[in-house]
Protein backbone atom coordinates (compact mmCIF):
# COMPACT_ATOMS: atom_id res chain seq x y z
CA MET A 1 0.00 0.00 0.00
CA ALA A 2 2.90 2.36 0.72
CA ASN A 3 4.13 1.89 -2.84
CA LEU A 4 0.69 2.70 -4.21
CA LYS A 5 0.59 5.84 -2.04
CA THR A 6 3.91 6.96 -3.53
CA LEU A 7 2.57 6.29 -7.01
CA ALA A 8 -0.62 8.18 -6.20
CA LYS A 9 1.32 11.15 -4.78
CA ASP A 10 3.60 11.45 -7.82
CA THR A 11 0.69 10.92 -10.20
CA ALA A 12 -1.23 13.66 -8.37
CA ILE A 13 1.62 16.14 -8.77
CA TYR A 14 2.21 15.26 -12.40
CA GLY A 15 -1.52 15.11 -12.98
CA LEU A 16 -2.41 18.40 -11.30
CA SER A 17 0.35 20.21 -13.15
CA SER A 18 -0.60 18.53 -16.41
CA ILE A 19 -4.32 19.21 -15.94
CA ALA A 20 -3.70 22.79 -14.80
CA ALA A 21 -1.33 23.40 -17.69
CA ARG A 22 -3.73 21.82 -20.16
CA PHE A 23 -6.61 23.80 -18.71
CA ILE A 24 -4.64 27.01 -19.20
CA ASN A 25 -3.73 25.79 -22.65
CA TYR A 26 -7.41 25.10 -23.34
CA LEU A 27 -7.93 28.84 -23.10
CA LEU A 28 -6.12 28.98 -26.42
CA VAL A 29 -8.68 26.74 -28.10
CA PRO A 30 -11.66 29.13 -27.93
CA ILE A 31 -9.37 32.04 -28.81
CA GLN A 32 -7.70 30.31 -31.75
CA THR A 33 -10.92 28.76 -33.04
CA ALA A 34 -12.58 32.18 -32.82
CA LYS A 35 -9.73 34.00 -34.51
CA PHE A 36 -9.12 31.23 -37.08
CA ASN A 37 -12.67 30.50 -38.21
CA ALA A 38 -13.44 26.90 -39.26
CA PHE A 39 -14.31 28.00 -42.77
CA GLY A 40 -10.90 29.62 -43.26
CA GLY A 41 -9.08 26.32 -42.70
CA GLN A 42 -6.17 27.81 -40.77
CA TYR A 43 -6.92 25.79 -37.65
CA GLY A 44 -6.78 22.75 -39.92
CA ILE A 45 -3.20 23.77 -40.77
CA ILE A 46 -2.36 23.88 -37.05
CA THR A 47 -3.94 20.44 -36.57
CA ASN A 48 -2.08 18.95 -39.53
CA VAL A 49 1.36 20.39 -38.72
CA TYR A 50 1.10 19.46 -35.04
CA ALA A 51 0.28 15.89 -36.08
CA HIS A 52 3.59 15.76 -37.98
CA VAL A 53 5.37 17.14 -34.94
CA ALA A 54 3.85 14.57 -32.59
CA LEU A 55 5.03 11.76 -34.85
CA LEU A 56 8.51 13.23 -35.26
CA ILE A 57 9.02 13.56 -31.51
CA VAL A 58 8.67 9.78 -31.29
CA PHE A 59 11.25 9.29 -34.05
CA LEU A 60 13.71 11.66 -32.41
CA THR A 61 13.39 10.24 -28.89
CA TYR A 62 13.30 6.65 -30.31
CA GLY A 63 12.23 5.07 -27.04
CA MET A 64 15.18 6.46 -25.09
CA GLU A 65 13.04 7.67 -22.18
CA THR A 66 11.90 4.13 -21.34
CA THR A 67 15.36 2.77 -22.15
CA PHE A 68 16.88 5.33 -19.79
CA PHE A 69 14.62 4.18 -16.92
CA ARG A 70 15.39 0.54 -17.63
CA PHE A 71 19.17 1.00 -17.61
CA MET A 72 19.20 3.33 -14.61
CA SER A 73 17.65 0.49 -12.59
CA LYS A 74 19.75 -2.33 -14.10
CA ALA A 75 22.42 -4.00 -12.03
CA GLY A 76 25.94 -3.45 -13.37
CA GLU A 77 25.18 -0.11 -15.05
CA THR A 78 26.65 3.19 -13.84
CA PRO A 79 23.79 5.71 -13.52
CA GLU A 80 25.95 8.76 -14.32
CA LYS A 81 27.28 7.15 -17.50
CA VAL A 82 23.84 5.95 -18.51
CA TYR A 83 22.49 9.50 -18.24
CA ALA A 84 25.44 11.05 -20.07
CA THR A 85 25.25 8.44 -22.83
CA THR A 86 21.51 8.99 -23.26
CA LEU A 87 21.93 12.77 -23.39
CA LYS A 88 24.68 12.60 -26.01
CA MET A 89 22.83 10.07 -28.15
CA VAL A 90 19.64 12.13 -28.35
CA ALA A 91 21.54 15.42 -28.74
CA THR A 92 23.44 14.01 -31.74
CA THR A 93 20.35 12.71 -33.51
CA SER A 94 18.43 15.94 -32.85
CA LEU A 95 21.23 18.06 -34.32
CA LEU A 96 21.48 15.77 -37.33
CA PHE A 97 17.73 16.03 -37.91
CA ALA A 98 17.81 19.84 -37.69
CA ALA A 99 20.64 19.97 -40.24
CA ILE A 100 18.71 17.75 -42.68
CA VAL A 101 15.61 19.95 -42.37
CA VAL A 102 17.59 23.11 -43.13
CA LEU A 103 19.37 21.55 -46.11
CA PHE A 104 16.27 19.98 -47.69
CA LEU A 105 13.58 22.38 -46.52
CA GLN A 106 11.84 23.02 -49.84
CA PRO A 107 11.53 19.37 -50.94
CA ILE A 108 10.19 18.45 -47.49
CA SER A 109 7.67 21.32 -47.61
CA ASP A 110 6.55 20.29 -51.09
CA ALA A 111 5.99 16.70 -49.99
CA LEU A 112 3.94 17.77 -46.97
CA GLY A 113 1.65 20.03 -48.97
CA TYR A 114 3.10 23.42 -47.98
CA PRO A 115 5.22 24.45 -50.99
CA ASP A 116 4.36 28.13 -50.49
CA HIS A 117 4.98 28.10 -46.75
CA PRO A 118 8.25 26.27 -45.99
CA GLU A 119 8.56 28.45 -42.88
CA TYR A 120 5.79 26.36 -41.23
CA ILE A 121 7.92 23.25 -41.57
CA LEU A 122 11.22 24.91 -40.63
CA ILE A 123 9.93 26.45 -37.41
CA MET A 124 8.01 23.45 -36.13
CA TYR A 125 10.63 20.89 -37.10
CA LEU A 126 13.32 22.85 -35.29
CA THR A 127 10.97 23.03 -32.32
CA VAL A 128 10.51 19.27 -32.30
CA ALA A 129 14.31 18.74 -32.43
CA VAL A 130 14.71 20.83 -29.26
CA ASP A 131 11.72 19.12 -27.61
CA ALA A 132 13.15 15.67 -28.32
CA PHE A 133 16.43 16.56 -26.66
CA ALA A 134 14.68 18.18 -23.67
CA ALA A 135 12.74 14.95 -23.09
CA ILE A 136 15.86 13.35 -21.58
CA PRO A 137 16.48 15.96 -18.84
CA PHE A 138 12.78 15.75 -18.04
CA ALA A 139 13.10 11.96 -17.80
CA TYR A 140 16.03 12.49 -15.41
CA LEU A 141 13.78 14.60 -13.15
CA ARG A 142 11.21 11.80 -13.11
CA CYS A 143 13.87 9.20 -12.39
CA LYS A 144 15.11 11.24 -9.43
CA HIS A 145 11.51 11.63 -8.18
CA ARG A 146 11.47 15.40 -8.55
CA PRO A 147 7.90 15.92 -9.75
CA ILE A 148 7.65 19.46 -8.37
CA LYS A 149 10.44 20.86 -10.55
CA PHE A 150 9.10 18.83 -13.48
CA ALA A 151 5.66 20.33 -12.95
CA MET A 152 6.97 23.88 -12.52
CA LEU A 153 8.88 23.74 -15.80
CA LYS A 154 5.91 22.35 -17.69
CA MET A 155 3.64 25.01 -16.21
CA SER A 156 6.11 27.77 -17.06
CA ASN A 157 6.20 26.61 -20.66
CA ILE A 158 2.42 26.61 -20.99
CA THR A 159 2.00 29.94 -19.21
CA LEU A 160 4.50 31.65 -21.50
CA ASN A 161 2.76 30.09 -24.49
CA ILE A 162 -0.59 31.47 -23.35
CA VAL A 163 0.76 34.95 -22.70
CA LEU A 164 2.45 35.23 -26.08
CA ASN A 165 -0.59 33.86 -27.90
CA LEU A 166 -2.85 36.37 -26.15
CA LEU A 167 -0.48 39.15 -27.13
CA TYR A 168 -0.42 38.13 -30.77
CA LEU A 169 -4.05 37.07 -31.24
CA VAL A 170 -5.91 39.57 -29.04
CA ILE A 171 -4.03 42.33 -27.23
CA LEU A 172 -1.75 43.80 -29.90
CA PRO A 173 -4.44 43.85 -32.63
CA ALA A 174 -6.91 45.44 -30.19
CA MET A 175 -4.38 48.15 -29.34
CA GLN A 176 -3.36 48.53 -33.00
CA LEU A 177 0.28 47.92 -32.09
CA ASN A 178 2.56 46.33 -34.69
CA PRO A 179 5.98 45.58 -33.16
CA PHE A 180 8.60 44.29 -35.59
CA GLY A 181 6.04 44.47 -38.42
CA ILE A 182 4.38 41.14 -37.54
CA TYR A 183 0.98 42.29 -38.89
CA ASN A 184 -0.09 43.73 -42.23
CA ASP A 185 -2.13 46.94 -42.60
CA THR A 186 -5.41 45.20 -41.72
CA PHE A 187 -3.93 43.30 -38.74
CA SER A 188 -4.87 39.92 -40.23
CA LEU A 189 -3.46 36.88 -38.41
CA ASP A 190 -1.05 34.25 -39.70
CA VAL A 191 -0.62 30.80 -38.14
CA VAL A 192 3.14 31.08 -38.64
CA TRP A 193 3.35 33.23 -35.50
CA VAL A 194 1.66 30.50 -33.47
CA PHE A 195 4.55 28.26 -34.55
CA TYR A 196 7.15 30.93 -33.70
CA ILE A 197 5.67 31.22 -30.22
CA ASN A 198 5.95 27.45 -29.76
CA LEU A 199 9.64 27.54 -30.70
CA CYS A 200 10.31 30.41 -28.32
CA CYS A 201 8.68 28.61 -25.37
CA THR A 202 10.60 25.41 -26.10
CA LEU A 203 13.94 27.22 -26.11
CA VAL A 204 13.16 29.00 -22.84
CA THR A 205 12.24 25.68 -21.19
CA LEU A 206 15.51 24.12 -22.35
CA LEU A 207 17.45 27.00 -20.79
CA MET A 208 15.66 26.35 -17.49
CA LEU A 209 16.99 22.76 -17.56
CA TRP A 210 20.61 23.93 -17.48
CA LYS A 211 21.38 22.17 -14.16
CA GLU A 212 20.22 18.82 -15.55
CA LEU A 213 22.41 19.34 -18.63
CA ALA A 214 25.44 18.99 -16.36
CA GLY A 215 25.16 15.29 -17.18
CA PHE A 216 27.23 16.04 -20.29
CA ARG A 217 30.32 16.17 -18.07
CA HIS A 218 30.32 12.41 -17.58
CA SER A 219 31.90 10.11 -20.13
CA PHE A 220 30.13 8.37 -22.98
CA ASP A 221 29.84 4.59 -22.39
CA LYS A 222 30.21 2.73 -25.71
CA GLY A 223 29.17 -0.57 -24.17
CA ALA A 224 26.02 0.92 -22.66
CA TYR A 225 25.35 2.68 -25.97
CA LYS A 226 25.24 -0.64 -27.86
CA ARG A 227 23.12 -2.34 -25.20
CA MET A 228 20.72 0.60 -25.10
CA LEU A 229 20.33 0.63 -28.88
CA THR A 230 19.48 -3.07 -28.88
CA TYR A 231 16.85 -2.50 -26.19
CA THR A 232 15.36 0.66 -27.70
CA ALA A 233 15.10 -0.40 -31.37
CA PRO A 234 11.78 -2.25 -30.89
CA LEU A 235 10.57 0.63 -28.72
CA LEU A 236 11.11 2.99 -31.64
CA ILE A 237 8.93 0.82 -33.88
CA MET A 238 6.37 0.54 -31.10
CA GLY A 239 6.44 4.27 -30.44
CA VAL A 240 6.06 5.21 -34.09
CA ALA A 241 3.21 2.74 -34.54
CA GLY A 242 1.58 3.95 -31.34
CA GLN A 243 1.88 7.60 -32.34
CA LEU A 244 0.50 6.80 -35.77
CA ASN A 245 -2.60 5.60 -33.93
CA GLN A 246 -2.96 9.12 -32.54
CA THR A 247 -1.83 11.29 -35.45
CA ALA A 248 -2.07 9.31 -38.70
CA SER A 249 -5.66 10.42 -39.26
CA GLN A 250 -4.71 14.11 -39.13
CA ILE A 251 -1.76 13.49 -41.48
CA ILE A 252 -3.67 11.33 -43.97
CA PHE A 253 -6.90 13.36 -43.98
CA PRO A 254 -5.92 16.11 -46.51
CA TYR A 255 -4.69 13.49 -48.99
CA VAL A 256 -7.75 11.22 -49.03
CA TYR A 257 -10.69 13.52 -48.23
CA TYR A 258 -13.12 13.69 -51.14
CA GLY A 259 -13.29 17.43 -51.75
CA SER A 260 -11.19 20.55 -52.24
CA ALA A 261 -8.04 21.27 -50.22
CA GLU A 262 -9.82 24.16 -48.49
CA GLU A 263 -12.76 21.97 -47.48
CA ALA A 264 -10.40 19.24 -46.26
CA ARG A 265 -8.63 21.75 -44.00
CA MET A 266 -11.99 23.01 -42.75
CA GLN A 267 -13.16 19.48 -41.85
CA LEU A 268 -9.79 18.65 -40.30
CA GLY A 269 -9.96 21.84 -38.25
CA ILE A 270 -13.36 20.81 -36.87
CA TYR A 271 -11.97 17.40 -35.92
CA GLY A 272 -8.82 18.89 -34.38
CA ALA A 273 -10.77 21.42 -32.32
CA CYS A 274 -13.34 18.93 -31.00
CA ILE A 275 -10.85 16.28 -29.93
CA LYS A 276 -9.26 18.91 -27.69
CA ILE A 277 -12.20 18.36 -25.34
CA ALA A 278 -11.45 14.62 -25.29
CA MET A 279 -7.84 15.28 -24.32
CA ILE A 280 -8.67 14.98 -20.62
CA MET A 281 -7.95 11.27 -21.11
CA VAL A 282 -4.57 12.06 -22.61
CA MET A 283 -3.79 14.21 -19.56
CA ILE A 284 -4.72 11.45 -17.12
CA THR A 285 -2.77 8.82 -19.06
CA GLN A 286 0.23 11.12 -19.39
CA ALA A 287 0.24 11.96 -15.68
CA PHE A 288 -0.05 8.27 -14.82
CA ARG A 289 2.74 7.41 -17.26
CA TYR A 290 5.13 10.01 -15.84
CA ALA A 291 4.79 8.46 -12.38
CA TYR A 292 4.28 4.83 -13.42
CA GLU A 293 7.38 4.23 -15.57
CA PRO A 294 10.01 4.92 -12.86
CA PHE A 295 7.69 3.29 -10.28
CA VAL A 296 7.39 0.01 -12.24
CA PHE A 297 11.08 -0.33 -13.04
CA GLY A 298 12.01 0.55 -9.47
CA LYS A 299 9.61 -2.06 -8.06
CA SER A 300 10.43 -4.81 -10.56
CA ARG A 301 12.40 -6.83 -7.96
CA ASP A 302 9.72 -6.73 -5.24
CA HIS A 303 7.83 -9.93 -4.47
CA ASP A 304 4.39 -8.24 -4.56
CA ASN A 305 4.93 -6.31 -7.77
CA LYS A 306 2.24 -8.11 -9.82
CA GLU A 307 -0.41 -7.49 -7.19
CA THR A 308 0.48 -3.81 -7.19
CA TYR A 309 0.32 -3.59 -10.99
CA ALA A 310 -3.14 -5.19 -10.93
CA LYS A 311 -4.44 -2.68 -8.38
CA ALA A 312 -2.93 0.22 -10.31
CA MET A 313 -4.77 -0.94 -13.44
CA LYS A 314 -8.11 -1.03 -11.63
CA TYR A 315 -7.68 2.42 -10.12
CA TYR A 316 -6.58 3.86 -13.45
CA ILE A 317 -9.75 2.55 -15.12
CA ILE A 318 -11.97 3.84 -12.31
CA PHE A 319 -10.64 7.38 -12.56
CA THR A 320 -10.71 7.50 -16.35
CA LEU A 321 -14.33 6.33 -16.34
CA LEU A 322 -15.14 9.07 -13.84
CA ALA A 323 -13.43 11.62 -16.10
CA PHE A 324 -15.40 10.29 -19.07
CA LEU A 325 -18.71 10.74 -17.27
CA ALA A 326 -17.73 14.22 -16.06
CA VAL A 327 -16.88 15.41 -19.57
CA MET A 328 -20.06 13.96 -21.02
CA GLY A 329 -22.15 15.35 -18.17
CA TYR A 330 -20.92 18.91 -18.63
CA MET A 331 -20.63 18.93 -22.42
CA ASP A 332 -23.14 21.79 -22.63
CA ILE A 333 -20.54 23.91 -20.79
CA LEU A 334 -17.35 22.43 -22.26
CA ARG A 335 -18.55 23.08 -25.81
CA TYR A 336 -17.63 26.72 -25.27
CA LEU A 337 -13.97 25.71 -25.26
CA VAL A 338 -14.21 25.72 -29.05
CA GLY A 339 -15.70 28.27 -31.41
CA GLU A 340 -19.35 27.82 -32.35
CA SER A 341 -18.43 27.12 -35.97
CA TYR A 342 -16.79 23.87 -34.76
CA TRP A 343 -19.72 22.53 -32.68
CA GLU A 344 -20.97 20.20 -35.37
CA GLY A 345 -18.11 17.82 -34.56
CA LEU A 346 -18.77 17.46 -30.83
CA GLU A 347 -20.61 14.16 -31.26
CA ILE A 348 -17.27 12.39 -31.83
CA VAL A 349 -16.00 13.31 -28.35
CA PRO A 350 -17.29 10.17 -26.50
CA ILE A 351 -15.82 7.93 -29.20
CA VAL A 352 -12.40 9.58 -28.94
CA MET A 353 -12.48 9.52 -25.13
CA ALA A 354 -13.36 5.81 -25.06
CA ALA A 355 -10.48 5.18 -27.47
CA GLU A 356 -8.09 7.05 -25.18
CA ILE A 357 -9.20 4.96 -22.20
CA MET A 358 -8.27 1.82 -24.14
CA PHE A 359 -4.95 3.38 -25.08
CA GLY A 360 -4.25 3.98 -21.38
CA ILE A 361 -5.08 0.36 -20.60
CA PHE A 362 -2.77 -0.71 -23.41
CA PHE A 363 -0.01 1.40 -21.85
CA ASN A 364 -0.60 -0.27 -18.46
CA LEU A 365 -0.41 -3.68 -20.10
CA SER A 366 2.83 -2.81 -21.90
CA PHE A 367 5.10 -3.37 -18.92
CA TRP A 368 5.10 -7.13 -19.19
CA TYR A 369 7.31 -6.99 -22.30
CA LYS A 370 9.37 -4.05 -21.04
CA LEU A 371 10.21 -5.82 -17.77
CA THR A 372 11.01 -9.09 -19.53
CA ASP A 373 13.08 -7.33 -22.25
CA ARG A 374 10.68 -8.54 -24.98
CA THR A 375 10.12 -5.05 -26.35
CA ILE A 376 9.64 -6.36 -29.88
CA TRP A 377 6.16 -7.50 -28.81
CA GLY A 378 5.18 -3.89 -28.26
CA ALA A 379 6.15 -3.16 -31.85
CA TYR A 380 3.89 -5.99 -33.02
CA PHE A 381 0.88 -4.81 -31.02
CA SER A 382 1.22 -1.14 -31.93
CA GLY A 383 1.94 -2.08 -35.55
CA ILE A 384 -1.27 -4.10 -35.79
CA GLY A 385 -3.23 -1.14 -34.42
CA ALA A 386 -1.54 1.32 -36.79
CA VAL A 387 -2.28 -0.84 -39.84
CA ILE A 388 -5.95 -1.11 -38.84
CA LEU A 389 -6.22 2.64 -38.33
CA ILE A 390 -4.52 3.58 -41.60
CA VAL A 391 -6.59 1.11 -43.64
CA MET A 392 -9.83 2.38 -42.06
CA ASP A 393 -8.79 5.98 -42.72
CA PHE A 394 -8.07 5.36 -46.39
CA LEU A 395 -11.31 3.43 -46.88
CA LEU A 396 -13.69 5.55 -44.81
CA ILE A 397 -12.49 9.18 -44.73
CA PRO A 398 -13.64 9.85 -48.34
CA LYS A 399 -17.21 8.95 -47.32
CA PHE A 400 -17.50 9.70 -43.60
CA SER A 401 -14.99 12.55 -43.11
CA TYR A 402 -13.73 12.95 -39.51
CA TRP A 403 -16.18 10.33 -38.18
CA ALA A 404 -13.91 7.77 -39.86
CA CYS A 405 -10.94 9.15 -37.88
CA ALA A 406 -12.77 8.77 -34.57
CA TRP A 407 -13.93 5.19 -35.19
CA ALA A 408 -10.58 4.14 -36.67
CA GLY A 409 -8.85 5.20 -33.45
CA PHE A 410 -11.44 3.36 -31.36
CA VAL A 411 -11.01 0.07 -33.23
CA SER A 412 -7.23 0.42 -33.42
CA TYR A 413 -6.74 0.93 -29.67
CA GLY A 414 -9.26 -1.78 -28.87
CA VAL A 415 -7.42 -4.40 -30.91
CA SER A 416 -3.98 -3.37 -29.57
CA MET A 417 -5.30 -3.57 -26.01
CA ALA A 418 -6.88 -7.00 -26.52
CA VAL A 419 -3.87 -8.69 -28.12
CA SER A 420 -1.48 -7.20 -25.56
CA TYR A 421 -3.61 -8.60 -22.73
CA TYR A 422 -3.83 -12.04 -24.36
CA PHE A 423 -0.08 -12.49 -24.86
CA GLY A 424 0.76 -10.76 -21.59
CA GLN A 425 -1.20 -13.42 -19.70
CA LYS A 426 0.88 -16.09 -21.44
CA TYR A 427 4.35 -14.64 -20.80
CA TYR A 428 3.91 -12.49 -17.68
CA PRO A 429 0.56 -13.43 -16.10
CA ILE A 430 -1.00 -10.86 -13.79
CA LYS A 431 -4.27 -11.54 -12.03
CA TYR A 432 -6.18 -8.40 -12.89
CA PRO A 433 -9.50 -7.94 -10.99
CA LEU A 434 -11.56 -8.34 -14.17
CA LYS A 435 -14.91 -8.78 -12.41
CA GLU A 436 -14.47 -5.49 -10.56
CA ILE A 437 -13.23 -3.73 -13.68
CA PHE A 438 -16.16 -4.92 -15.80
CA PHE A 439 -18.55 -3.95 -13.02
CA TYR A 440 -17.34 -0.35 -13.18
CA VAL A 441 -17.37 -0.35 -16.98
CA GLY A 442 -20.96 -1.61 -16.98
CA ILE A 443 -22.07 1.03 -14.45
CA ALA A 444 -20.31 3.73 -16.49
CA VAL A 445 -22.08 2.62 -19.69
CA ILE A 446 -25.49 2.74 -17.98
CA PHE A 447 -24.77 6.18 -16.53
CA PHE A 448 -23.49 7.40 -19.91
CA ILE A 449 -26.80 6.39 -21.52
CA GLY A 450 -28.60 8.40 -18.84
CA ILE A 451 -26.38 11.43 -19.42
CA THR A 452 -26.87 11.21 -23.18
CA PHE A 453 -30.65 11.08 -22.72
CA ALA A 454 -30.54 14.12 -20.43
CA ASN A 455 -28.34 16.13 -22.82
CA GLU A 456 -30.55 15.34 -25.80
CA TYR A 457 -34.08 15.62 -24.43
CA LEU A 458 -33.91 17.94 -21.40
CA PRO A 459 -33.24 21.69 -21.23
CA ILE A 460 -29.80 22.61 -19.92
CA TRP A 461 -31.13 23.93 -16.58
CA SER A 462 -32.48 20.45 -15.72
CA ALA A 463 -29.92 18.31 -17.59
CA LEU A 464 -26.92 19.67 -15.69
CA PRO A 465 -28.29 18.95 -12.18
CA LEU A 466 -29.39 15.47 -13.27
CA ASN A 467 -25.98 14.76 -14.79
CA THR A 468 -24.32 15.99 -11.60
CA LEU A 469 -26.39 13.50 -9.58
CA ILE A 470 -25.37 10.70 -11.96
CA ILE A 471 -21.68 11.56 -11.58
CA LEU A 472 -22.03 11.75 -7.80
CA ALA A 473 -23.75 8.36 -7.84
CA PHE A 474 -20.78 6.86 -9.66
CA MET A 475 -18.42 8.44 -7.11
CA ALA A 476 -20.52 7.07 -4.25
CA ILE A 477 -20.27 3.55 -5.69
CA VAL A 478 -16.49 3.93 -5.96
CA VAL A 479 -16.18 5.20 -2.38
CA LYS A 480 -18.38 2.41 -1.02
CA ARG A 481 -16.55 -0.38 -2.85
CA ASP A 482 -12.92 0.74 -3.05
CA PHE A 483 -12.35 3.91 -1.02
CA PRO A 484 -14.26 3.51 2.24
CA LEU A 485 -14.25 6.64 4.40
CA SER A 486 -12.26 4.92 7.15
CA ARG A 487 -9.23 4.71 4.81
CA LEU A 488 -9.23 8.33 3.69
CA PRO A 489 -6.70 10.77 5.19
CA PHE A 490 -8.10 13.08 7.91
CA ILE A 491 -11.70 12.01 7.18
CA GLY A 492 -10.72 8.42 7.96
CA LYS A 493 -9.31 9.41 11.35
CA ARG A 494 -12.46 11.26 12.29
CA PHE A 495 -14.62 8.44 10.95
CA THR A 496 -12.66 5.89 13.01
CA LYS A 497 -12.88 7.98 16.17
CA LYS A 498 -16.62 8.39 15.70
CA THR A 499 -17.04 4.66 15.18
CA ASP A 500 -14.97 3.87 18.29
CA PHE A 501 -17.01 6.37 20.33
CA ASN A 502 -20.29 4.79 19.24
CA GLU A 503 -19.00 1.32 20.06
CA GLU A 504 -17.96 2.43 23.53
CA ASN A 505 -21.39 3.94 24.24
CA ASN A 506 -23.09 0.79 23.08
């Protein structure tokens, strides 16, 4: 239980910072979707370019975060050399990537559909090179269990991003100020400055990691380098395939959509804006991952590790189901996070959120092959999911537009999750509490049907209170079954004292 409390504490810090940062970042969504109207297609450009960036970050980190955690906990490895070797490996590949982008900028821009705007590709690809390198110092903070500094740096990055976006999108145009000639005579906006702001924030964050960059002083370990490459190669394939599950739809969409390029960008912008609301699941999974990776590798030698992993899975599912119900219950409020011209796509949100829950379960299941050094299995599972998603996108996007993207992700994650569980039980069996998990899933489905009925057939003034009662009912079931009051901090002490007092009087 102490280990789970440590995991919960770290997850809470990572999670609160991630949720707070994302919430602040969400303020950009209504602003950007208002300033870049859906029919202009510029938000579709942001969605498309960011999808490339998300995929590239996986290429440029090539599984070295997980590899770093594995080798830091391995007997016979020198932690200082492992960190220095990891830093120098990722720094070299990031610099090489940046050089290739600069040298072949125009051909790359042509291939990606931006022949007239190579600056989009240059700025964001340089940003991703810096981000990939910064991932290793951030991993070092997680390894050293320093979630507070980790959270502060992430929050600083997001806050600076918000401030600069507000300046460019709202404040300077309202004041008719044009520093450095960034606007034309009519103060029209250009998405290129959104990309410049991203690069600026990334560079500032890297400068704030200067203490962690002291790891460069230690020597490069050639032996560890070869062992790490052998371990990480399948993780790269797995990571690319996994990221394709999240971004392939946004990358493929403009090429296969049956319509003009402008209409494709408009439809993609609607999809990109609406899935922002579903990103609460990404936040929860990311927070859990930040705490869970070092926790799992650090606990791998303990005799009760499998029991702990099983409990962690159950609690993860419980809290993601609660988040799902909360988002669905307050959709009439959350819709204002995106501009009204994007509201037609909100019906895909529950599909995308359910897909992200399955992705989180898949991540939880992934540790059986990481702990047993069978990382190639992860590449198989993610690859199967990526193939399913890409095939569905090519076949269905021309007819069903962004609905095809949502359902392709759902099926892809579902299959990856199922096959990972099946083979995991053969090679690293863990007794997950399936009956309890399916009980909560069943309750969540019933409550979701109730929330959907309320949202569709009742006025907002009565739907919101009813949905709140449904969410509270789910929480009450969780508390009664898995978090009894007697176990809760502070409340538990008072509850126990009250119980003891009643027993004495009786």
